[in-house]
Structures are given as C-alpha cells and as structure tokens.
Amino acid sequence: MIEEMLAARGIDVSHETIRRWALKFGQEFANRVCRRLPMAGDKWHLDEVVITIGGTKQRLWRAVDQNGVELDILIQSRRNKAAAKRLLRKLIRKQMRTPRVMITDKLGSYGAAKCEVMPGVEHRQHKGLNNRAENSHQPTRRREWIMKRFKSARHAQRFLSVHGQINNLFLRPPKTSAQNHRFRRNLAFQVWAYVSGVAAAA
C-alpha cells in the first residue's frame, strides 16, 4: 500500500525501492520507537503458533503484556524446553526484569523453562487466560497472507520484530475511550514524525 500512498502524493517508487528502504531504515526506526514507549506491563502472555516457511514448519513464539504491547518474538524450529528457555532469556535481557505473572497455555515446555530461568515468578497455565497472546497472532497471519508467505526464517524474524515494535506505537489498548484514543494517536504521530525525521525535514 505504500506505493499507492506515495503515488497519491506525486512520488513514483517501485516495490523494490520500498523493500530496500525497509531493510535500511526499519530496524533503526523500531529501535527509536522502542526507546520512547512507556515501560511494558508486569504480566506477560506467551504463546506460539505454527508458520510454514519454504515448506518447513516453524514455531513463532510471541510475548505480549496485559495491554497487548508486543514484547518480543522469536522464530524457532522446535517447541521444547530449550526453545522456551531461549525465549524467556531473550525477554529478560530485553526488558531488563522479570514479570510479576507469566500466563501461558498448557504446553509443558513453559513450566519446565520457567523453573530454571525465573523460578520465583507466578505461572498461570490456562488456555482461556491466554487469549491476549493468541489474538496477537492475527496481524501476523494477515501479513503472511499479503506477503504470500515468508521467504525464510531470518526474513520473517527481521520483518516481524521491526513491524511489531512500530505497531506498538499505534496500538489501541482495550477499553480505550474515543477521546483518549484520539489523544494517544496524535501523540503517536508526533513520536513517529520525530523518529522518522519528518519533523526535521518540514
């Protein structure tokens, strides 16, 4: 859609140009956005979903907080204890703290990994409690369909990690009033203008 949006403004670019822009600037923009977001919540929802890449099934592990803010993603080929430990260690390293509560489905790998990585954290395992993480996979499914599947695990990891952080900036938390939503949206546009350098160029 970016090609059409720019064309409406009289700027003619190709899909390849946009792809190269994303590769060159995407991660830097995502890092700047991440530094300007408020601290994530203390309740982590973890879930994994199967995605097919090059005919091979991979597991996309995702963690979100109680407000739906994406904390991190990790693509791995397995869903065992070692894979869960890798996700938890990555989350702790990025968030620089452990959560108050960790909520997952009933996959045993989560409990085994939690006992070793963060034994003091409360762990709730119930499929109904984890709808926040399960719903967070829906935008990924849409992107996967639009892009006609991801080309490689590395490509998917790079794209989804960047897109998730930028999406956090424009996320509408649940039970947000229209007035509060408009205020947050205007604030998000200001942050994006600063991060992308649009404000400096104007």
C-alpha atoms as a PDB file:
ATOM      1  CA  MET A   1       0.000   0.000   0.000  1.00  0.00           C
ATOM      2  CA  ILE A   2       2.964   2.358   0.461  1.00  0.00           C
ATOM      3  CA  GLU A   3       3.491   2.541  -3.300  1.00  0.00           C
ATOM      4  CA  GLU A   4      -0.103   3.751  -3.794  1.00  0.00           C
ATOM      5  CA  MET A   5       0.074   6.191  -0.866  1.00  0.00           C
ATOM      6  CA  LEU A   6       3.220   7.798  -2.289  1.00  0.00           C
ATOM      7  CA  ALA A   7       1.745   7.830  -5.806  1.00  0.00           C
ATOM      8  CA  ALA A   8      -1.212   9.833  -4.460  1.00  0.00           C
ATOM      9  CA  ARG A   9       1.338  12.432  -3.316  1.00  0.00           C
ATOM     10  CA  GLY A  10       3.035  12.503  -6.711  1.00  0.00           C
ATOM     11  CA  ILE A  11       6.022  10.319  -5.702  1.00  0.00           C
ATOM     12  CA  ASP A  12       6.647   7.387  -8.051  1.00  0.00           C
ATOM     13  CA  VAL A  13       8.622   4.498  -6.499  1.00  0.00           C
ATOM     14  CA  SER A  14       8.800   0.757  -7.082  1.00  0.00           C
ATOM     15  CA  HIS A  15       8.184  -2.142  -4.693  1.00  0.00           C
ATOM     16  CA  GLU A  16      11.920  -2.884  -4.709  1.00  0.00           C
ATOM     17  CA  THR A  17      12.746   0.660  -3.579  1.00  0.00           C
ATOM     18  CA  ILE A  18      10.305   0.356  -0.681  1.00  0.00           C
ATOM     19  CA  ARG A  19      11.756  -3.047   0.256  1.00  0.00           C
ATOM     20  CA  ARG A  20      15.262  -1.550   0.347  1.00  0.00           C
ATOM     21  CA  TRP A  21      14.024   1.371   2.467  1.00  0.00           C
ATOM     22  CA  ALA A  22      12.539  -1.100   4.948  1.00  0.00           C
ATOM     23  CA  LEU A  23      15.798  -3.057   5.149  1.00  0.00           C
ATOM     24  CA  LYS A  24      17.889   0.086   5.569  1.00  0.00           C
ATOM     25  CA  PHE A  25      15.748   2.108   7.987  1.00  0.00           C
ATOM     26  CA  GLY A  26      13.222  -0.326   9.527  1.00  0.00           C
ATOM     27  CA  GLN A  27      15.285  -1.668  12.433  1.00  0.00           C
ATOM     28  CA  GLU A  28      16.634   1.778  13.326  1.00  0.00           C
ATOM     29  CA  PHE A  29      13.110   3.240  13.393  1.00  0.00           C
ATOM     30  CA  ALA A  30      11.900   0.297  15.504  1.00  0.00           C
ATOM     31  CA  ASN A  31      14.753   0.811  17.992  1.00  0.00           C
ATOM     32  CA  ARG A  32      13.971   4.530  18.298  1.00  0.00           C
ATOM     33  CA  VAL A  33      10.269   3.836  18.809  1.00  0.00           C
ATOM     34  CA  CYS A  34      11.039   1.190  21.444  1.00  0.00           C
ATOM     35  CA  ARG A  35      13.146   3.677  23.441  1.00  0.00           C
ATOM     36  CA  ARG A  36      10.269   6.170  23.513  1.00  0.00           C
ATOM     37  CA  LEU A  37       7.493   3.786  24.567  1.00  0.00           C
ATOM     38  CA  PRO A  38       6.490   3.559  28.238  1.00  0.00           C
ATOM     39  CA  MET A  39       7.658   0.558  30.232  1.00  0.00           C
ATOM     40  CA  ALA A  40       5.795  -2.640  29.407  1.00  0.00           C
ATOM     41  CA  GLY A  41       3.397  -4.222  31.874  1.00  0.00           C
ATOM     42  CA  ASP A  42       4.380  -6.780  34.509  1.00  0.00           C
ATOM     43  CA  LYS A  43       2.030  -9.520  33.272  1.00  0.00           C
ATOM     44  CA  TRP A  44       3.460 -11.443  30.318  1.00  0.00           C
ATOM     45  CA  HIS A  45       1.336 -13.564  27.983  1.00  0.00           C
ATOM     46  CA  LEU A  46       3.325 -16.129  25.977  1.00  0.00           C
ATOM     47  CA  ASP A  47       2.133 -18.216  23.061  1.00  0.00           C
ATOM     48  CA  GLU A  48       3.473 -19.961  19.977  1.00  0.00           C
ATOM     49  CA  VAL A  49       1.936 -20.523  16.557  1.00  0.00           C
ATOM     50  CA  VAL A  50       2.990 -22.637  13.577  1.00  0.00           C
ATOM     51  CA  ILE A  51       4.040 -20.844  10.383  1.00  0.00           C
ATOM     52  CA  THR A  52       5.214 -22.514   7.188  1.00  0.00           C
ATOM     53  CA  ILE A  53       8.414 -21.172   5.633  1.00  0.00           C
ATOM     54  CA  GLY A  54       9.775 -22.808   2.497  1.00  0.00           C
ATOM     55  CA  GLY A  55       7.644 -25.895   3.078  1.00  0.00           C
ATOM     56  CA  THR A  56       9.048 -26.346   6.603  1.00  0.00           C
ATOM     57  CA  LYS A  57       7.012 -25.783   9.751  1.00  0.00           C
ATOM     58  CA  GLN A  58       8.486 -23.249  12.176  1.00  0.00           C
ATOM     59  CA  ARG A  59       7.229 -22.024  15.533  1.00  0.00           C
ATOM     60  CA  LEU A  60       6.689 -18.320  16.019  1.00  0.00           C
ATOM     61  CA  TRP A  61       6.950 -17.591  19.755  1.00  0.00           C
ATOM     62  CA  ARG A  62       5.461 -14.282  20.873  1.00  0.00           C
ATOM     63  CA  ALA A  63       5.198 -12.452  24.201  1.00  0.00           C
ATOM     64  CA  VAL A  64       2.815  -9.552  24.889  1.00  0.00           C
ATOM     65  CA  ASP A  65       1.925  -7.709  28.079  1.00  0.00           C
ATOM     66  CA  GLN A  66      -1.558  -7.248  29.569  1.00  0.00           C
ATOM     67  CA  ASN A  67      -2.209  -4.258  27.285  1.00  0.00           C
ATOM     68  CA  GLY A  68      -1.376  -6.164  24.099  1.00  0.00           C
ATOM     69  CA  VAL A  69       2.026  -4.483  23.633  1.00  0.00           C
ATOM     70  CA  GLU A  70       4.362  -6.895  21.849  1.00  0.00           C
ATOM     71  CA  LEU A  71       7.433  -7.545  23.995  1.00  0.00           C
ATOM     72  CA  ASP A  72       9.346  -9.739  21.551  1.00  0.00           C
ATOM     73  CA  ILE A  73       9.091 -12.546  19.018  1.00  0.00           C
ATOM     74  CA  LEU A  74      11.351 -15.483  18.236  1.00  0.00           C
ATOM     75  CA  ILE A  75      11.181 -17.989  15.375  1.00  0.00           C
ATOM     76  CA  GLN A  76      12.460 -21.480  16.171  1.00  0.00           C
ATOM     77  CA  SER A  77      12.015 -24.911  14.680  1.00  0.00           C
ATOM     78  CA  ARG A  78      11.116 -26.605  17.987  1.00  0.00           C
ATOM     79  CA  ARG A  79       8.684 -26.115  20.840  1.00  0.00           C
ATOM     80  CA  ASN A  80      10.582 -27.909  23.610  1.00  0.00           C
ATOM     81  CA  LYS A  81      12.056 -26.717  26.908  1.00  0.00           C
ATOM     82  CA  ALA A  82      15.243 -25.406  25.279  1.00  0.00           C
ATOM     83  CA  ALA A  83      13.215 -23.269  22.855  1.00  0.00           C
ATOM     84  CA  ALA A  84      11.087 -21.869  25.697  1.00  0.00           C
ATOM     85  CA  LYS A  85      14.219 -21.104  27.759  1.00  0.00           C
ATOM     86  CA  ARG A  86      15.717 -19.232  24.826  1.00  0.00           C
ATOM     87  CA  LEU A  87      12.581 -17.074  24.543  1.00  0.00           C
ATOM     88  CA  LEU A  88      12.477 -16.332  28.289  1.00  0.00           C
ATOM     89  CA  ARG A  89      16.153 -15.374  28.400  1.00  0.00           C
ATOM     90  CA  LYS A  90      15.708 -13.088  25.399  1.00  0.00           C
ATOM     91  CA  LEU A  91      12.711 -11.425  27.048  1.00  0.00           C
ATOM     92  CA  ILE A  92      14.522 -10.850  30.351  1.00  0.00           C
ATOM     93  CA  ARG A  93      17.552  -9.454  28.522  1.00  0.00           C
ATOM     94  CA  LYS A  94      15.402  -7.039  26.528  1.00  0.00           C
ATOM     95  CA  GLN A  95      13.026  -5.986  29.326  1.00  0.00           C
ATOM     96  CA  MET A  96      15.825  -5.987  31.954  1.00  0.00           C
ATOM     97  CA  ARG A  97      13.472  -7.514  34.528  1.00  0.00           C
ATOM     98  CA  THR A  98      11.248 -10.498  35.197  1.00  0.00           C
ATOM     99  CA  PRO A  99       7.438 -10.288  35.163  1.00  0.00           C
ATOM    100  CA  ARG A 100       5.133 -10.467  38.157  1.00  0.00           C
ATOM    101  CA  VAL A 101       2.958 -13.086  36.418  1.00  0.00           C
ATOM    102  CA  MET A 102       3.539 -15.272  33.367  1.00  0.00           C
ATOM    103  CA  ILE A 103       0.449 -16.614  31.554  1.00  0.00           C
ATOM    104  CA  THR A 104       0.673 -19.433  29.008  1.00  0.00           C
ATOM    105  CA  ASP A 105      -1.347 -22.253  27.569  1.00  0.00           C
ATOM    106  CA  LYS A 106      -0.830 -25.789  28.896  1.00  0.00           C
ATOM    107  CA  LEU A 107       2.339 -26.556  26.903  1.00  0.00           C
ATOM    108  CA  GLY A 108       4.692 -28.234  29.390  1.00  0.00           C
ATOM    109  CA  SER A 109       7.799 -26.556  27.954  1.00  0.00           C
ATOM    110  CA  TYR A 110       6.831 -23.221  29.524  1.00  0.00           C
ATOM    111  CA  GLY A 111       6.675 -24.589  33.061  1.00  0.00           C
ATOM    112  CA  ALA A 112       9.941 -26.510  32.732  1.00  0.00           C
ATOM    113  CA  ALA A 113      11.762 -23.475  31.313  1.00  0.00           C
ATOM    114  CA  LYS A 114      10.298 -21.089  33.901  1.00  0.00           C
ATOM    115  CA  CYS A 115      11.511 -23.259  36.789  1.00  0.00           C
ATOM    116  CA  GLU A 116      15.097 -22.842  35.560  1.00  0.00           C
ATOM    117  CA  VAL A 117      15.106 -19.274  34.206  1.00  0.00           C
ATOM    118  CA  MET A 118      12.793 -17.392  36.629  1.00  0.00           C
ATOM    119  CA  PRO A 119      11.649 -19.734  39.417  1.00  0.00           C
ATOM    120  CA  GLY A 120      10.118 -17.015  41.627  1.00  0.00           C
ATOM    121  CA  VAL A 121       7.584 -15.832  39.033  1.00  0.00           C
ATOM    122  CA  GLU A 122       3.921 -16.831  39.356  1.00  0.00           C
ATOM    123  CA  HIS A 123       2.887 -19.031  36.416  1.00  0.00           C
ATOM    124  CA  ARG A 124      -0.734 -19.416  35.324  1.00  0.00           C
ATOM    125  CA  GLN A 125      -1.456 -22.093  32.722  1.00  0.00           C
ATOM    126  CA  HIS A 126      -4.923 -21.923  31.230  1.00  0.00           C
ATOM    127  CA  LYS A 127      -5.980 -21.639  27.602  1.00  0.00           C
ATOM    128  CA  GLY A 128      -8.796 -19.183  28.354  1.00  0.00           C
ATOM    129  CA  LEU A 129      -6.485 -16.791  30.220  1.00  0.00           C
ATOM    130  CA  ASN A 130      -4.096 -16.552  27.273  1.00  0.00           C
ATOM    131  CA  ASN A 131      -6.428 -15.001  24.687  1.00  0.00           C
ATOM    132  CA  ARG A 132      -4.335 -11.808  24.694  1.00  0.00           C
ATOM    133  CA  ALA A 133      -1.313 -13.647  23.230  1.00  0.00           C
ATOM    134  CA  GLU A 134      -3.377 -15.788  20.887  1.00  0.00           C
ATOM    135  CA  ASN A 135      -5.145 -12.741  19.428  1.00  0.00           C
ATOM    136  CA  SER A 136      -1.792 -11.021  18.907  1.00  0.00           C
ATOM    137  CA  HIS A 137      -1.008 -13.588  16.173  1.00  0.00           C
ATOM    138  CA  GLN A 138      -3.832 -12.335  13.932  1.00  0.00           C
ATOM    139  CA  PRO A 139      -1.914  -9.384  12.379  1.00  0.00           C
ATOM    140  CA  THR A 140       0.953 -11.771  11.600  1.00  0.00           C
ATOM    141  CA  ARG A 141      -1.416 -14.084   9.747  1.00  0.00           C
ATOM    142  CA  ARG A 142      -2.668 -11.131   7.698  1.00  0.00           C
ATOM    143  CA  ARG A 143       0.876 -10.027   6.862  1.00  0.00           C
ATOM    144  CA  GLU A 144       1.818 -13.604   5.956  1.00  0.00           C
ATOM    145  CA  TRP A 145      -1.138 -13.769   3.556  1.00  0.00           C
ATOM    146  CA  ILE A 146      -0.429 -10.362   1.970  1.00  0.00           C
ATOM    147  CA  MET A 147       3.245 -11.220   1.504  1.00  0.00           C
ATOM    148  CA  LYS A 148       2.344 -14.680   0.112  1.00  0.00           C
ATOM    149  CA  ARG A 149       4.244 -16.347   2.945  1.00  0.00           C
ATOM    150  CA  PHE A 150       7.615 -15.512   4.388  1.00  0.00           C
ATOM    151  CA  LYS A 151      10.650 -16.479   2.330  1.00  0.00           C
ATOM    152  CA  SER A 152      12.930 -17.614   5.169  1.00  0.00           C
ATOM    153  CA  ALA A 153      13.039 -17.791   8.961  1.00  0.00           C
ATOM    154  CA  ARG A 154      15.589 -14.969   9.016  1.00  0.00           C
ATOM    155  CA  HIS A 155      13.396 -12.811   6.783  1.00  0.00           C
ATOM    156  CA  ALA A 156      10.334 -13.437   8.975  1.00  0.00           C
ATOM    157  CA  GLN A 157      12.253 -12.741  12.204  1.00  0.00           C
ATOM    158  CA  ARG A 158      13.638  -9.470  10.866  1.00  0.00           C
ATOM    159  CA  PHE A 159      10.340  -8.255   9.408  1.00  0.00           C
ATOM    160  CA  LEU A 160       8.086  -9.219  12.311  1.00  0.00           C
ATOM    161  CA  SER A 161      10.390  -7.880  15.032  1.00  0.00           C
ATOM    162  CA  VAL A 162      10.530  -4.473  13.296  1.00  0.00           C
ATOM    163  CA  HIS A 163       6.826  -4.368  12.455  1.00  0.00           C
ATOM    164  CA  GLY A 164       5.821  -5.392  15.976  1.00  0.00           C
ATOM    165  CA  GLN A 165       7.740  -2.557  17.655  1.00  0.00           C
ATOM    166  CA  ILE A 166       6.388   0.075  15.270  1.00  0.00           C
ATOM    167  CA  ASN A 167       2.877  -1.350  15.646  1.00  0.00           C
ATOM    168  CA  ASN A 168       3.186  -0.893  19.440  1.00  0.00           C
ATOM    169  CA  LEU A 169       3.359   2.853  18.858  1.00  0.00           C
ATOM    170  CA  PHE A 170      -0.080   2.948  17.213  1.00  0.00           C
ATOM    171  CA  LEU A 171      -1.690   0.216  19.322  1.00  0.00           C
ATOM    172  CA  ARG A 172      -5.105   0.954  20.798  1.00  0.00           C
ATOM    173  CA  PRO A 173      -5.305  -0.655  24.254  1.00  0.00           C
ATOM    174  CA  PRO A 174      -8.565  -2.392  25.184  1.00  0.00           C
ATOM    175  CA  LYS A 175     -11.341  -0.319  26.787  1.00  0.00           C
ATOM    176  CA  THR A 176      -9.908   2.968  25.482  1.00  0.00           C
ATOM    177  CA  SER A 177     -12.412   5.795  25.025  1.00  0.00           C
ATOM    178  CA  ALA A 178     -12.626   7.566  21.659  1.00  0.00           C
ATOM    179  CA  GLN A 179     -11.301  10.799  23.151  1.00  0.00           C
ATOM    180  CA  ASN A 180      -8.337   9.068  24.785  1.00  0.00           C
ATOM    181  CA  HIS A 181      -7.692   7.123  21.577  1.00  0.00           C
ATOM    182  CA  ARG A 182      -7.508  10.334  19.521  1.00  0.00           C
ATOM    183  CA  PHE A 183      -5.126  11.868  22.049  1.00  0.00           C
ATOM    184  CA  ARG A 184      -2.862   8.788  22.004  1.00  0.00           C
ATOM    185  CA  ARG A 185      -2.985   8.657  18.197  1.00  0.00           C
ATOM    186  CA  ASN A 186      -1.905  12.309  17.864  1.00  0.00           C
ATOM    187  CA  LEU A 187       0.911  11.652  20.324  1.00  0.00           C
ATOM    188  CA  ALA A 188       1.954   8.590  18.307  1.00  0.00           C
ATOM    189  CA  PHE A 189       2.050  10.651  15.105  1.00  0.00           C
ATOM    190  CA  GLN A 190       4.307  13.191  16.828  1.00  0.00           C
ATOM    191  CA  VAL A 191       6.679  10.461  18.014  1.00  0.00           C
ATOM    192  CA  TRP A 192       6.719   8.892  14.552  1.00  0.00           C
ATOM    193  CA  ALA A 193       7.466  12.261  12.915  1.00  0.00           C
ATOM    194  CA  TYR A 194      10.388  12.720  15.299  1.00  0.00           C
ATOM    195  CA  VAL A 195      11.697   9.155  14.892  1.00  0.00           C
ATOM    196  CA  SER A 196      11.449   9.157  11.080  1.00  0.00           C
ATOM    197  CA  GLY A 197      12.905  12.645  10.705  1.00  0.00           C
ATOM    198  CA  VAL A 198       9.793  14.089   9.060  1.00  0.00           C
ATOM    199  CA  ALA A 199       9.614  16.874  11.647  1.00  0.00           C
ATOM    200  CA  ALA A 200      13.227  17.880  10.976  1.00  0.00           C
ATOM    201  CA  ALA A 201      12.669  17.979   7.223  1.00  0.00           C
ATOM    202  CA  ALA A 202       9.498  20.139   7.446  1.00  0.00           C
END
